[in-house]
């Protein structure tokens, strides 16, 4: 077994380059070049050999007559061969002796169609193609390999199929994009006209809305101005009336004055304080104040004198004691009495 393996190893070392360290480098390079060239051209050499050096057909009894001399076949049968019987369907051709014998020649064969005058029959054309260019044998049954008829492996076939699928996929998307582009081009004028009409309609609507907005803002400004004028006049009217009443009566009910203008107690108290009426009415020993009940009153020396007299009378019946609540009630009664007297 070891001898067999060593023999195989030596044989491979002889066939393959760069297998022995003692071999010169130039010899290995030449060996490699010869091996590569042989492997590259071997398929073409084999194809050429199979195409032009076909083996001859074996000799059989069926083609024994084919080996007869060509001259004997062309010159007809030998002289000692008797003529066979004539068939009734045979058509004899004139050899020129009928004219001397006075016999009419047979009718000529019908003229072939015009197409067959220049186009030989299919069988003849095939026969001519089989022996074209003067080749001694039959035509080549194995054509030269090309990109169209070459044999490929399963891996290459799958790769080509995937490439065809990708090409078909991209071609489909390109066709779809082209179709969309053509569709858009076909309806572009109509869309542009519709878009221009829509823009004009929107511009008209926007102008109408803007005009309505300007009118509404102008009306709102006018209403605010009118309301501001009315509020200013109302405040001046209320302040003037309160001022006249406080001078004439010494006390004014602010709640009644606010209700006459459609306002409340808080509004009129803020208005009186903001107008500076309290500070304007205070002169000398006179004091002006707003009570918890919403009255604006002016306290002067006469009011205080009357209130002290009433408090002294009230203290006589209470052992000479008057608290602040009692004195406040007495002062309020005096102020109301003077206001009613002024009416």
C-alpha atoms as a PDB file:
ATOM      1  CA  UNK A   1       0.000   0.000   0.000  1.00  0.00           C
ATOM      2  CA  UNK A   2       2.845   2.358   0.806  1.00  0.00           C
ATOM      3  CA  UNK A   3       4.483   1.636  -2.572  1.00  0.00           C
ATOM      4  CA  UNK A   4       1.222   2.517  -4.351  1.00  0.00           C
ATOM      5  CA  UNK A   5       0.845   5.785  -2.453  1.00  0.00           C
ATOM      6  CA  UNK A   6       4.456   6.731  -3.099  1.00  0.00           C
ATOM      7  CA  UNK A   7       3.979   5.985  -6.814  1.00  0.00           C
ATOM      8  CA  UNK A   8       0.901   8.212  -6.914  1.00  0.00           C
ATOM      9  CA  UNK A   9       2.790  10.948  -5.095  1.00  0.00           C
ATOM     10  CA  UNK A  10       5.736  10.806  -7.520  1.00  0.00           C
ATOM     11  CA  UNK A  11       3.338  10.874 -10.469  1.00  0.00           C
ATOM     12  CA  UNK A  12       1.570  13.958  -9.092  1.00  0.00           C
ATOM     13  CA  UNK A  13       4.926  15.601  -8.405  1.00  0.00           C
ATOM     14  CA  UNK A  14       5.877  15.049 -12.047  1.00  0.00           C
ATOM     15  CA  UNK A  15       2.546  16.444 -13.332  1.00  0.00           C
ATOM     16  CA  UNK A  16       2.313  19.459 -10.996  1.00  0.00           C
ATOM     17  CA  UNK A  17       4.870  22.300 -10.734  1.00  0.00           C
ATOM     18  CA  UNK A  18       6.430  23.634  -7.538  1.00  0.00           C
ATOM     19  CA  UNK A  19       6.295  20.241  -5.814  1.00  0.00           C
ATOM     20  CA  UNK A  20      10.005  19.515  -5.374  1.00  0.00           C
ATOM     21  CA  UNK A  21      12.493  21.968  -3.875  1.00  0.00           C
ATOM     22  CA  UNK A  22      15.362  20.740  -6.060  1.00  0.00           C
ATOM     23  CA  UNK A  23      13.574  21.632  -9.323  1.00  0.00           C
ATOM     24  CA  UNK A  24      14.831  24.897 -10.875  1.00  0.00           C
ATOM     25  CA  UNK A  25      12.473  27.855 -10.746  1.00  0.00           C
ATOM     26  CA  UNK A  26      12.577  28.377 -14.512  1.00  0.00           C
ATOM     27  CA  UNK A  27      11.510  24.770 -15.106  1.00  0.00           C
ATOM     28  CA  UNK A  28       8.567  25.165 -12.698  1.00  0.00           C
ATOM     29  CA  UNK A  29       7.493  28.399 -14.430  1.00  0.00           C
ATOM     30  CA  UNK A  30       7.656  26.765 -17.884  1.00  0.00           C
ATOM     31  CA  UNK A  31       5.804  23.744 -16.526  1.00  0.00           C
ATOM     32  CA  UNK A  32       3.059  25.997 -15.142  1.00  0.00           C
ATOM     33  CA  UNK A  33       2.722  27.907 -18.443  1.00  0.00           C
ATOM     34  CA  UNK A  34       2.449  24.671 -20.449  1.00  0.00           C
ATOM     35  CA  UNK A  35      -0.109  23.219 -18.030  1.00  0.00           C
ATOM     36  CA  UNK A  36      -2.268  26.373 -18.052  1.00  0.00           C
ATOM     37  CA  UNK A  37      -2.125  26.638 -21.848  1.00  0.00           C
ATOM     38  CA  UNK A  38      -3.113  22.995 -22.248  1.00  0.00           C
ATOM     39  CA  UNK A  39      -6.043  23.308 -19.827  1.00  0.00           C
ATOM     40  CA  UNK A  40      -7.189  26.504 -21.541  1.00  0.00           C
ATOM     41  CA  UNK A  41      -7.140  25.194 -25.116  1.00  0.00           C
ATOM     42  CA  UNK A  42      -8.040  21.530 -24.428  1.00  0.00           C
ATOM     43  CA  UNK A  43     -11.859  22.018 -24.774  1.00  0.00           C
ATOM     44  CA  UNK A  44     -11.456  23.836 -28.094  1.00  0.00           C
ATOM     45  CA  UNK A  45      -9.057  21.217 -29.457  1.00  0.00           C
ATOM     46  CA  UNK A  46     -11.447  18.433 -28.470  1.00  0.00           C
ATOM     47  CA  UNK A  47     -14.376  20.242 -30.069  1.00  0.00           C
ATOM     48  CA  UNK A  48     -12.424  20.795 -33.268  1.00  0.00           C
ATOM     49  CA  UNK A  49     -11.397  17.136 -33.381  1.00  0.00           C
ATOM     50  CA  UNK A  50     -14.976  15.905 -32.908  1.00  0.00           C
ATOM     51  CA  UNK A  51     -16.232  18.331 -35.570  1.00  0.00           C
ATOM     52  CA  UNK A  52     -13.700  17.523 -38.365  1.00  0.00           C
ATOM     53  CA  UNK A  53     -12.379  13.998 -37.692  1.00  0.00           C
ATOM     54  CA  UNK A  54     -15.445  11.765 -37.421  1.00  0.00           C
ATOM     55  CA  UNK A  55     -14.825   7.985 -37.724  1.00  0.00           C
ATOM     56  CA  UNK A  56     -15.881   6.232 -41.024  1.00  0.00           C
ATOM     57  CA  UNK A  57     -19.046   4.140 -41.075  1.00  0.00           C
ATOM     58  CA  UNK A  58     -18.463   0.340 -40.760  1.00  0.00           C
ATOM     59  CA  UNK A  59     -18.660  -1.787 -43.873  1.00  0.00           C
ATOM     60  CA  UNK A  60     -21.974  -3.668 -44.266  1.00  0.00           C
ATOM     61  CA  UNK A  61     -23.818  -5.531 -47.008  1.00  0.00           C
ATOM     62  CA  UNK A  62     -26.288  -2.654 -47.216  1.00  0.00           C
ATOM     63  CA  UNK A  63     -23.645  -0.325 -48.587  1.00  0.00           C
ATOM     64  CA  UNK A  64     -21.673  -2.922 -50.549  1.00  0.00           C
ATOM     65  CA  UNK A  65     -22.979  -1.498 -53.766  1.00  0.00           C
ATOM     66  CA  UNK A  66     -21.651   1.932 -52.758  1.00  0.00           C
ATOM     67  CA  UNK A  67     -18.125   0.631 -53.175  1.00  0.00           C
ATOM     68  CA  UNK A  68     -18.626   0.050 -56.885  1.00  0.00           C
ATOM     69  CA  UNK A  69     -16.522   2.137 -59.198  1.00  0.00           C
ATOM     70  CA  UNK A  70     -17.976   5.531 -59.924  1.00  0.00           C
ATOM     71  CA  UNK A  71     -17.265   5.163 -63.635  1.00  0.00           C
ATOM     72  CA  UNK A  72     -19.314   1.979 -63.901  1.00  0.00           C
ATOM     73  CA  UNK A  73     -22.268   3.610 -62.152  1.00  0.00           C
ATOM     74  CA  UNK A  74     -22.154   6.684 -64.330  1.00  0.00           C
ATOM     75  CA  UNK A  75     -21.751   4.742 -67.638  1.00  0.00           C
ATOM     76  CA  UNK A  76     -24.713   2.502 -66.938  1.00  0.00           C
ATOM     77  CA  UNK A  77     -24.956  -1.280 -66.568  1.00  0.00           C
ATOM     78  CA  UNK A  78     -22.481  -3.551 -68.247  1.00  0.00           C
ATOM     79  CA  UNK A  79     -23.306  -4.647 -71.764  1.00  0.00           C
ATOM     80  CA  UNK A  80     -24.182  -8.203 -70.795  1.00  0.00           C
ATOM     81  CA  UNK A  81     -27.014  -7.096 -68.482  1.00  0.00           C
ATOM     82  CA  UNK A  82     -30.341  -7.483 -70.298  1.00  0.00           C
ATOM     83  CA  UNK A  83     -32.940  -4.738 -70.233  1.00  0.00           C
ATOM     84  CA  UNK A  84     -35.774  -5.236 -67.783  1.00  0.00           C
ATOM     85  CA  UNK A  85     -39.458  -5.147 -68.694  1.00  0.00           C
ATOM     86  CA  UNK A  86     -40.949  -1.714 -69.308  1.00  0.00           C
ATOM     87  CA  UNK A  87     -43.635  -0.383 -67.012  1.00  0.00           C
ATOM     88  CA  UNK A  88     -46.808   1.143 -68.422  1.00  0.00           C
ATOM     89  CA  UNK A  89     -46.410   4.273 -66.256  1.00  0.00           C
ATOM     90  CA  UNK A  90     -42.939   5.065 -67.524  1.00  0.00           C
ATOM     91  CA  UNK A  91     -42.499   8.156 -69.711  1.00  0.00           C
ATOM     92  CA  UNK A  92     -39.904   7.642 -72.439  1.00  0.00           C
ATOM     93  CA  UNK A  93     -37.641  10.539 -73.399  1.00  0.00           C
ATOM     94  CA  UNK A  94     -36.932  11.327 -77.019  1.00  0.00           C
ATOM     95  CA  UNK A  95     -33.364  10.532 -78.064  1.00  0.00           C
ATOM     96  CA  UNK A  96     -33.638  12.096 -81.515  1.00  0.00           C
ATOM     97  CA  UNK A  97     -34.421   8.955 -83.501  1.00  0.00           C
ATOM     98  CA  UNK A  98     -38.157   9.667 -83.652  1.00  0.00           C
ATOM     99  CA  UNK A  99     -37.727  12.514 -86.106  1.00  0.00           C
ATOM    100  CA  UNK A 100     -36.004  10.232 -88.619  1.00  0.00           C
ATOM    101  CA  UNK A 101     -38.683   7.569 -88.164  1.00  0.00           C
ATOM    102  CA  UNK A 102     -41.550  10.098 -88.553  1.00  0.00           C
ATOM    103  CA  UNK A 103     -42.920   9.524 -85.085  1.00  0.00           C
ATOM    104  CA  UNK A 104     -44.331  12.475 -83.157  1.00  0.00           C
ATOM    105  CA  UNK A 105     -42.503  13.214 -79.911  1.00  0.00           C
ATOM    106  CA  UNK A 106     -44.421  12.911 -76.620  1.00  0.00           C
ATOM    107  CA  UNK A 107     -45.747  16.095 -75.008  1.00  0.00           C
ATOM    108  CA  UNK A 108     -43.344  18.110 -72.924  1.00  0.00           C
ATOM    109  CA  UNK A 109     -43.499  18.024 -69.154  1.00  0.00           C
ATOM    110  CA  UNK A 110     -45.495  20.813 -67.510  1.00  0.00           C
ATOM    111  CA  UNK A 111     -43.607  23.991 -66.658  1.00  0.00           C
ATOM    112  CA  UNK A 112     -42.848  24.213 -62.899  1.00  0.00           C
ATOM    113  CA  UNK A 113     -44.207  27.163 -60.894  1.00  0.00           C
ATOM    114  CA  UNK A 114     -42.159  30.403 -61.024  1.00  0.00           C
ATOM    115  CA  UNK A 115     -41.020  30.023 -57.431  1.00  0.00           C
ATOM    116  CA  UNK A 116     -39.303  26.722 -58.079  1.00  0.00           C
ATOM    117  CA  UNK A 117     -37.286  28.026 -61.014  1.00  0.00           C
ATOM    118  CA  UNK A 118     -34.934  29.863 -58.662  1.00  0.00           C
ATOM    119  CA  UNK A 119     -35.634  28.142 -55.341  1.00  0.00           C
ATOM    120  CA  UNK A 120     -34.582  24.509 -55.239  1.00  0.00           C
ATOM    121  CA  UNK A 121     -36.707  21.993 -53.285  1.00  0.00           C
ATOM    122  CA  UNK A 122     -36.245  21.677 -49.576  1.00  0.00           C
ATOM    123  CA  UNK A 123     -34.661  18.227 -49.886  1.00  0.00           C
ATOM    124  CA  UNK A 124     -32.094  19.481 -52.427  1.00  0.00           C
ATOM    125  CA  UNK A 125     -31.316  22.524 -50.311  1.00  0.00           C
ATOM    126  CA  UNK A 126     -30.798  20.330 -47.272  1.00  0.00           C
ATOM    127  CA  UNK A 127     -28.584  18.014 -49.329  1.00  0.00           C
ATOM    128  CA  UNK A 128     -26.568  20.966 -50.583  1.00  0.00           C
ATOM    129  CA  UNK A 129     -26.174  22.309 -47.037  1.00  0.00           C
ATOM    130  CA  UNK A 130     -24.952  18.917 -45.905  1.00  0.00           C
ATOM    131  CA  UNK A 131     -22.142  18.958 -48.469  1.00  0.00           C
ATOM    132  CA  UNK A 132     -21.405  22.693 -48.579  1.00  0.00           C
ATOM    133  CA  UNK A 133     -17.917  24.077 -49.052  1.00  0.00           C
ATOM    134  CA  UNK A 134     -16.759  20.814 -50.662  1.00  0.00           C
ATOM    135  CA  UNK A 135     -16.489  18.855 -47.400  1.00  0.00           C
ATOM    136  CA  UNK A 136     -16.019  15.143 -48.059  1.00  0.00           C
ATOM    137  CA  UNK A 137     -18.276  13.999 -45.224  1.00  0.00           C
ATOM    138  CA  UNK A 138     -21.644  14.947 -43.725  1.00  0.00           C
ATOM    139  CA  UNK A 139     -22.290  18.323 -42.125  1.00  0.00           C
ATOM    140  CA  UNK A 140     -21.142  19.115 -38.566  1.00  0.00           C
ATOM    141  CA  UNK A 141     -23.680  17.718 -36.092  1.00  0.00           C
ATOM    142  CA  UNK A 142     -22.069  19.620 -33.193  1.00  0.00           C
ATOM    143  CA  UNK A 143     -22.001  23.394 -33.890  1.00  0.00           C
ATOM    144  CA  UNK A 144     -19.389  25.616 -32.363  1.00  0.00           C
ATOM    145  CA  UNK A 145     -20.355  26.771 -28.826  1.00  0.00           C
ATOM    146  CA  UNK A 146     -21.572  30.374 -28.554  1.00  0.00           C
ATOM    147  CA  UNK A 147     -23.104  32.553 -25.846  1.00  0.00           C
ATOM    148  CA  UNK A 148     -26.553  31.444 -27.016  1.00  0.00           C
ATOM    149  CA  UNK A 149     -26.043  27.645 -27.014  1.00  0.00           C
ATOM    150  CA  UNK A 150     -23.226  27.047 -24.554  1.00  0.00           C
ATOM    151  CA  UNK A 151     -23.768  24.666 -21.637  1.00  0.00           C
ATOM    152  CA  UNK A 152     -23.776  26.254 -18.184  1.00  0.00           C
ATOM    153  CA  UNK A 153     -23.941  24.822 -14.704  1.00  0.00           C
ATOM    154  CA  UNK A 154     -26.741  24.998 -12.137  1.00  0.00           C
ATOM    155  CA  UNK A 155     -25.062  27.772 -10.103  1.00  0.00           C
ATOM    156  CA  UNK A 156     -24.551  29.924 -13.182  1.00  0.00           C
ATOM    157  CA  UNK A 157     -28.131  29.229 -14.285  1.00  0.00           C
ATOM    158  CA  UNK A 158     -29.445  30.401 -10.908  1.00  0.00           C
ATOM    159  CA  UNK A 159     -27.270  33.511 -11.130  1.00  0.00           C
ATOM    160  CA  UNK A 160     -28.565  34.260 -14.622  1.00  0.00           C
ATOM    161  CA  UNK A 161     -32.147  33.670 -13.460  1.00  0.00           C
ATOM    162  CA  UNK A 162     -31.696  36.083 -10.553  1.00  0.00           C
ATOM    163  CA  UNK A 163     -30.172  38.648 -12.893  1.00  0.00           C
ATOM    164  CA  UNK A 164     -33.103  38.265 -15.284  1.00  0.00           C
ATOM    165  CA  UNK A 165     -35.502  38.674 -12.372  1.00  0.00           C
ATOM    166  CA  UNK A 166     -33.743  41.839 -11.237  1.00  0.00           C
ATOM    167  CA  UNK A 167     -33.732  43.162 -14.769  1.00  0.00           C
ATOM    168  CA  UNK A 168     -37.452  42.388 -15.142  1.00  0.00           C
ATOM    169  CA  UNK A 169     -38.151  43.985 -11.738  1.00  0.00           C
ATOM    170  CA  UNK A 170     -36.316  47.191 -12.595  1.00  0.00           C
ATOM    171  CA  UNK A 171     -37.832  47.237 -16.065  1.00  0.00           C
ATOM    172  CA  UNK A 172     -41.295  46.913 -14.534  1.00  0.00           C
ATOM    173  CA  UNK A 173     -40.682  49.827 -12.198  1.00  0.00           C
ATOM    174  CA  UNK A 174     -39.237  51.906 -15.032  1.00  0.00           C
ATOM    175  CA  UNK A 175     -42.278  51.153 -17.159  1.00  0.00           C
ATOM    176  CA  UNK A 176     -44.591  52.081 -14.284  1.00  0.00           C
ATOM    177  CA  UNK A 177     -42.718  55.355 -13.740  1.00  0.00           C
ATOM    178  CA  UNK A 178     -42.823  56.099 -17.450  1.00  0.00           C
ATOM    179  CA  UNK A 179     -46.546  55.371 -17.531  1.00  0.00           C
ATOM    180  CA  UNK A 180     -47.148  57.683 -14.564  1.00  0.00           C
ATOM    181  CA  UNK A 181     -45.056  60.373 -16.216  1.00  0.00           C
ATOM    182  CA  UNK A 182     -47.024  60.059 -19.442  1.00  0.00           C
ATOM    183  CA  UNK A 183     -50.283  60.169 -17.497  1.00  0.00           C
ATOM    184  CA  UNK A 184     -49.148  63.285 -15.664  1.00  0.00           C
ATOM    185  CA  UNK A 185     -48.008  64.867 -18.900  1.00  0.00           C
ATOM    186  CA  UNK A 186     -51.356  64.079 -20.524  1.00  0.00           C
ATOM    187  CA  UNK A 187     -53.394  65.737 -17.735  1.00  0.00           C
ATOM    188  CA  UNK A 188     -50.980  68.525 -16.838  1.00  0.00           C
ATOM    189  CA  UNK A 189     -52.799  71.276 -18.728  1.00  0.00           C
ATOM    190  CA  UNK A 190     -56.129  70.370 -17.173  1.00  0.00           C
ATOM    191  CA  UNK A 191     -54.610  70.213 -13.693  1.00  0.00           C
ATOM    192  CA  UNK A 192     -52.837  73.532 -14.160  1.00  0.00           C
ATOM    193  CA  UNK A 193     -56.062  75.158 -15.332  1.00  0.00           C
ATOM    194  CA  UNK A 194     -57.974  73.688 -12.378  1.00  0.00           C
ATOM    195  CA  UNK A 195     -55.212  74.792  -9.999  1.00  0.00           C
ATOM    196  CA  UNK A 196     -55.264  78.329 -11.389  1.00  0.00           C
ATOM    197  CA  UNK A 197     -59.044  78.441 -11.048  1.00  0.00           C
ATOM    198  CA  UNK A 198     -58.829  77.167  -7.491  1.00  0.00           C
ATOM    199  CA  UNK A 199     -56.186  79.769  -6.643  1.00  0.00           C
ATOM    200  CA  UNK A 200     -58.367  82.536  -8.074  1.00  0.00           C
ATOM    201  CA  UNK A 201     -61.369  81.296  -6.108  1.00  0.00           C
ATOM    202  CA  UNK A 202     -59.350  81.133  -2.900  1.00  0.00           C
ATOM    203  CA  UNK A 203     -57.944  84.597  -3.485  1.00  0.00           C
ATOM    204  CA  UNK A 204     -61.476  85.958  -3.960  1.00  0.00           C
ATOM    205  CA  UNK A 205     -62.712  84.214  -0.821  1.00  0.00           C
ATOM    206  CA  UNK A 206     -59.697  85.436   1.145  1.00  0.00           C
ATOM    207  CA  UNK A 207     -60.304  89.005  -0.044  1.00  0.00           C
ATOM    208  CA  UNK A 208     -63.945  88.767   1.059  1.00  0.00           C
ATOM    209  CA  UNK A 209     -62.904  87.372   4.430  1.00  0.00           C
ATOM    210  CA  UNK A 210     -60.287  90.089   4.831  1.00  0.00           C
ATOM    211  CA  UNK A 211     -62.882  92.756   3.984  1.00  0.00           C
ATOM    212  CA  UNK A 212     -65.325  91.276   6.486  1.00  0.00           C
ATOM    213  CA  UNK A 213     -62.575  91.166   9.083  1.00  0.00           C
ATOM    214  CA  UNK A 214     -61.692  94.818   8.486  1.00  0.00           C
ATOM    215  CA  UNK A 215     -65.351  95.820   8.735  1.00  0.00           C
ATOM    216  CA  UNK A 216     -65.805  93.793  11.913  1.00  0.00           C
ATOM    217  CA  UNK A 217     -62.677  95.287  13.462  1.00  0.00           C
ATOM    218  CA  UNK A 218     -63.808  98.803  12.503  1.00  0.00           C
ATOM    219  CA  UNK A 219     -67.255  98.131  14.020  1.00  0.00           C
ATOM    220  CA  UNK A 220     -65.664  96.720  17.178  1.00  0.00           C
ATOM    221  CA  UNK A 221     -63.395  99.764  17.462  1.00  0.00           C
ATOM    222  CA  UNK A 222     -66.398 102.033  17.039  1.00  0.00           C
ATOM    223  CA  UNK A 223     -68.354 100.100  19.644  1.00  0.00           C
ATOM    224  CA  UNK A 224     -65.455 100.253  22.062  1.00  0.00           C
ATOM    225  CA  UNK A 225     -65.088 103.949  21.445  1.00  0.00           C
ATOM    226  CA  UNK A 226     -68.793 104.481  22.054  1.00  0.00           C
ATOM    227  CA  UNK A 227     -68.693 102.360  25.181  1.00  0.00           C
ATOM    228  CA  UNK A 228     -65.646 104.256  26.406  1.00  0.00           C
ATOM    229  CA  UNK A 229     -67.404 107.585  25.754  1.00  0.00           C
ATOM    230  CA  UNK A 230     -70.526 106.381  27.507  1.00  0.00           C
ATOM    231  CA  UNK A 231     -68.496 105.074  30.443  1.00  0.00           C
ATOM    232  CA  UNK A 232     -66.626 108.381  30.691  1.00  0.00           C
ATOM    233  CA  UNK A 233     -69.857 110.351  30.603  1.00  0.00           C
ATOM    234  CA  UNK A 234     -71.429 107.993  33.153  1.00  0.00           C
ATOM    235  CA  UNK A 235     -68.527 108.425  35.554  1.00  0.00           C
ATOM    236  CA  UNK A 236     -68.527 112.173  35.207  1.00  0.00           C
ATOM    237  CA  UNK A 237     -72.283 112.244  35.735  1.00  0.00           C
ATOM    238  CA  UNK A 238     -72.136 110.035  38.834  1.00  0.00           C
ATOM    239  CA  UNK A 239     -69.215 111.955  40.362  1.00  0.00           C
ATOM    240  CA  UNK A 240     -70.936 115.287  39.724  1.00  0.00           C
ATOM    241  CA  UNK A 241     -74.205 114.091  41.261  1.00  0.00           C
ATOM    242  CA  UNK A 242     -72.467 112.647  44.341  1.00  0.00           C
ATOM    243  CA  UNK A 243     -70.542 115.875  44.779  1.00  0.00           C
ATOM    244  CA  UNK A 244     -73.705 118.010  44.603  1.00  0.00           C
ATOM    245  CA  UNK A 245     -75.568 115.748  47.048  1.00  0.00           C
ATOM    246  CA  UNK A 246     -72.737 115.686  49.564  1.00  0.00           C
ATOM    247  CA  UNK A 247     -72.510 119.471  49.500  1.00  0.00           C
ATOM    248  CA  UNK A 248     -76.252 119.933  49.745  1.00  0.00           C
ATOM    249  CA  UNK A 249     -77.255 117.128  52.106  1.00  0.00           C
ATOM    250  CA  UNK A 250     -74.003 116.087  53.747  1.00  0.00           C
ATOM    251  CA  UNK A 251     -74.686 112.385  53.010  1.00  0.00           C
ATOM    252  CA  UNK A 252     -75.268 110.341  49.841  1.00  0.00           C
ATOM    253  CA  UNK A 253     -76.410 106.736  49.399  1.00  0.00           C
ATOM    254  CA  UNK A 254     -73.840 105.382  46.863  1.00  0.00           C
ATOM    255  CA  UNK A 255     -75.795 102.160  46.310  1.00  0.00           C
ATOM    256  CA  UNK A 256     -78.840 104.080  45.001  1.00  0.00           C
ATOM    257  CA  UNK A 257     -76.631 106.227  42.799  1.00  0.00           C
ATOM    258  CA  UNK A 258     -74.927 103.128  41.327  1.00  0.00           C
ATOM    259  CA  UNK A 259     -78.236 101.360  40.672  1.00  0.00           C
ATOM    260  CA  UNK A 260     -79.489 104.346  38.693  1.00  0.00           C
ATOM    261  CA  UNK A 261     -76.554 103.805  36.264  1.00  0.00           C
ATOM    262  CA  UNK A 262     -76.836 100.020  36.211  1.00  0.00           C
ATOM    263  CA  UNK A 263     -73.746  99.451  38.345  1.00  0.00           C
ATOM    264  CA  UNK A 264     -73.010  98.009  41.758  1.00  0.00           C
ATOM    265  CA  UNK A 265     -71.582  99.160  45.065  1.00  0.00           C
ATOM    266  CA  UNK A 266     -68.025  98.160  44.334  1.00  0.00           C
ATOM    267  CA  UNK A 267     -67.997 100.107  41.059  1.00  0.00           C
ATOM    268  CA  UNK A 268     -69.163 103.362  42.602  1.00  0.00           C
ATOM    269  CA  UNK A 269     -66.882 103.072  45.630  1.00  0.00           C
ATOM    270  CA  UNK A 270     -63.872 102.612  43.324  1.00  0.00           C
ATOM    271  CA  UNK A 271     -65.076 105.527  41.207  1.00  0.00           C
ATOM    272  CA  UNK A 272     -65.423 107.855  44.214  1.00  0.00           C
ATOM    273  CA  UNK A 273     -62.022 106.916  45.576  1.00  0.00           C
ATOM    274  CA  UNK A 274     -60.349 107.197  42.137  1.00  0.00           C
ATOM    275  CA  UNK A 275     -61.933 110.594  41.390  1.00  0.00           C
ATOM    276  CA  UNK A 276     -60.306 112.150  44.470  1.00  0.00           C
ATOM    277  CA  UNK A 277     -63.652 113.318  45.798  1.00  0.00           C
ATOM    278  CA  UNK A 278     -62.840 112.378  49.370  1.00  0.00           C
ATOM    279  CA  UNK A 279     -59.786 114.589  49.548  1.00  0.00           C
ATOM    280  CA  UNK A 280     -61.474 117.429  47.637  1.00  0.00           C
ATOM    281  CA  UNK A 281     -64.436 117.630  50.069  1.00  0.00           C
ATOM    282  CA  UNK A 282     -62.330 117.704  53.203  1.00  0.00           C
ATOM    283  CA  UNK A 283     -61.825 121.330  54.271  1.00  0.00           C
ATOM    284  CA  UNK A 284     -60.599 122.386  57.657  1.00  0.00           C
ATOM    285  CA  UNK A 285     -62.158 120.233  60.372  1.00  0.00           C
ATOM    286  CA  UNK A 286     -64.600 118.528  57.963  1.00  0.00           C
ATOM    287  CA  UNK A 287     -64.077 114.803  57.261  1.00  0.00           C
ATOM    288  CA  UNK A 288     -65.603 112.762  54.408  1.00  0.00           C
ATOM    289  CA  UNK A 289     -65.849 108.942  54.659  1.00  0.00           C
ATOM    290  CA  UNK A 290     -67.643 105.931  53.163  1.00  0.00           C
ATOM    291  CA  UNK A 291     -69.522 103.796  55.634  1.00  0.00           C
ATOM    292  CA  UNK A 292     -69.938 100.054  55.600  1.00  0.00           C
ATOM    293  CA  UNK A 293     -73.509 100.412  54.356  1.00  0.00           C
ATOM    294  CA  UNK A 294     -72.343 102.305  51.247  1.00  0.00           C
ATOM    295  CA  UNK A 295     -73.001 105.867  52.373  1.00  0.00           C
ATOM    296  CA  UNK A 296     -70.749 108.819  51.656  1.00  0.00           C
ATOM    297  CA  UNK A 297     -71.030 111.222  54.580  1.00  0.00           C
ATOM    298  CA  UNK A 298     -69.438 114.511  55.579  1.00  0.00           C
ATOM    299  CA  UNK A 299     -68.774 115.082  59.260  1.00  0.00           C
ATOM    300  CA  UNK A 300     -68.417 118.698  60.352  1.00  0.00           C
ATOM    301  CA  UNK A 301     -68.552 120.613  63.640  1.00  0.00           C
ATOM    302  CA  UNK A 302     -72.331 121.060  63.549  1.00  0.00           C
ATOM    303  CA  UNK A 303     -72.892 117.305  63.132  1.00  0.00           C
ATOM    304  CA  UNK A 304     -70.550 116.513  65.991  1.00  0.00           C
ATOM    305  CA  UNK A 305     -72.162 119.088  68.283  1.00  0.00           C
ATOM    306  CA  UNK A 306     -75.616 117.677  67.641  1.00  0.00           C
ATOM    307  CA  UNK A 307     -74.301 114.141  68.111  1.00  0.00           C
ATOM    308  CA  UNK A 308     -72.667 115.029  71.453  1.00  0.00           C
ATOM    309  CA  UNK A 309     -75.919 116.587  72.677  1.00  0.00           C
ATOM    310  CA  UNK A 310     -77.815 113.441  71.745  1.00  0.00           C
ATOM    311  CA  UNK A 311     -75.159 111.295  73.406  1.00  0.00           C
ATOM    312  CA  UNK A 312     -75.410 113.355  76.635  1.00  0.00           C
ATOM    313  CA  UNK A 313     -79.161 112.878  76.721  1.00  0.00           C
ATOM    314  CA  UNK A 314     -78.663 109.157  76.038  1.00  0.00           C
ATOM    315  CA  UNK A 315     -76.116 108.847  78.874  1.00  0.00           C
ATOM    316  CA  UNK A 316     -78.499 110.360  81.419  1.00  0.00           C
ATOM    317  CA  UNK A 317     -80.723 107.338  81.048  1.00  0.00           C
ATOM    318  CA  UNK A 318     -77.793 104.862  81.149  1.00  0.00           C
ATOM    319  CA  UNK A 319     -75.919 106.047  84.246  1.00  0.00           C
ATOM    320  CA  UNK A 320     -73.634 108.276  82.190  1.00  0.00           C
ATOM    321  CA  UNK A 321     -72.186 105.398  80.094  1.00  0.00           C
ATOM    322  CA  UNK A 322     -72.043 105.532  76.258  1.00  0.00           C
ATOM    323  CA  UNK A 323     -69.997 103.005  74.318  1.00  0.00           C
ATOM    324  CA  UNK A 324     -68.730 103.312  70.723  1.00  0.00           C
ATOM    325  CA  UNK A 325     -71.636 101.333  69.241  1.00  0.00           C
ATOM    326  CA  UNK A 326     -74.130 103.615  70.933  1.00  0.00           C
ATOM    327  CA  UNK A 327     -72.298 106.720  69.819  1.00  0.00           C
ATOM    328  CA  UNK A 328     -72.093 105.378  66.214  1.00  0.00           C
ATOM    329  CA  UNK A 329     -75.837 104.834  66.141  1.00  0.00           C
ATOM    330  CA  UNK A 330     -76.422 108.321  67.502  1.00  0.00           C
ATOM    331  CA  UNK A 331     -74.077 109.833  64.869  1.00  0.00           C
ATOM    332  CA  UNK A 332     -75.796 107.924  62.060  1.00  0.00           C
ATOM    333  CA  UNK A 333     -79.219 109.112  63.180  1.00  0.00           C
ATOM    334  CA  UNK A 334     -78.018 112.727  63.189  1.00  0.00           C
ATOM    335  CA  UNK A 335     -76.519 112.416  59.679  1.00  0.00           C
ATOM    336  CA  UNK A 336     -79.701 110.830  58.285  1.00  0.00           C
ATOM    337  CA  UNK A 337     -81.824 113.499  59.878  1.00  0.00           C
ATOM    338  CA  UNK A 338     -79.848 116.311  58.237  1.00  0.00           C
ATOM    339  CA  UNK A 339     -79.971 114.494  54.836  1.00  0.00           C
ATOM    340  CA  UNK A 340     -83.758 114.126  55.056  1.00  0.00           C
ATOM    341  CA  UNK A 341     -84.131 117.738  56.099  1.00  0.00           C
ATOM    342  CA  UNK A 342     -82.161 118.887  53.042  1.00  0.00           C
ATOM    343  CA  UNK A 343     -84.496 116.999  50.662  1.00  0.00           C
END
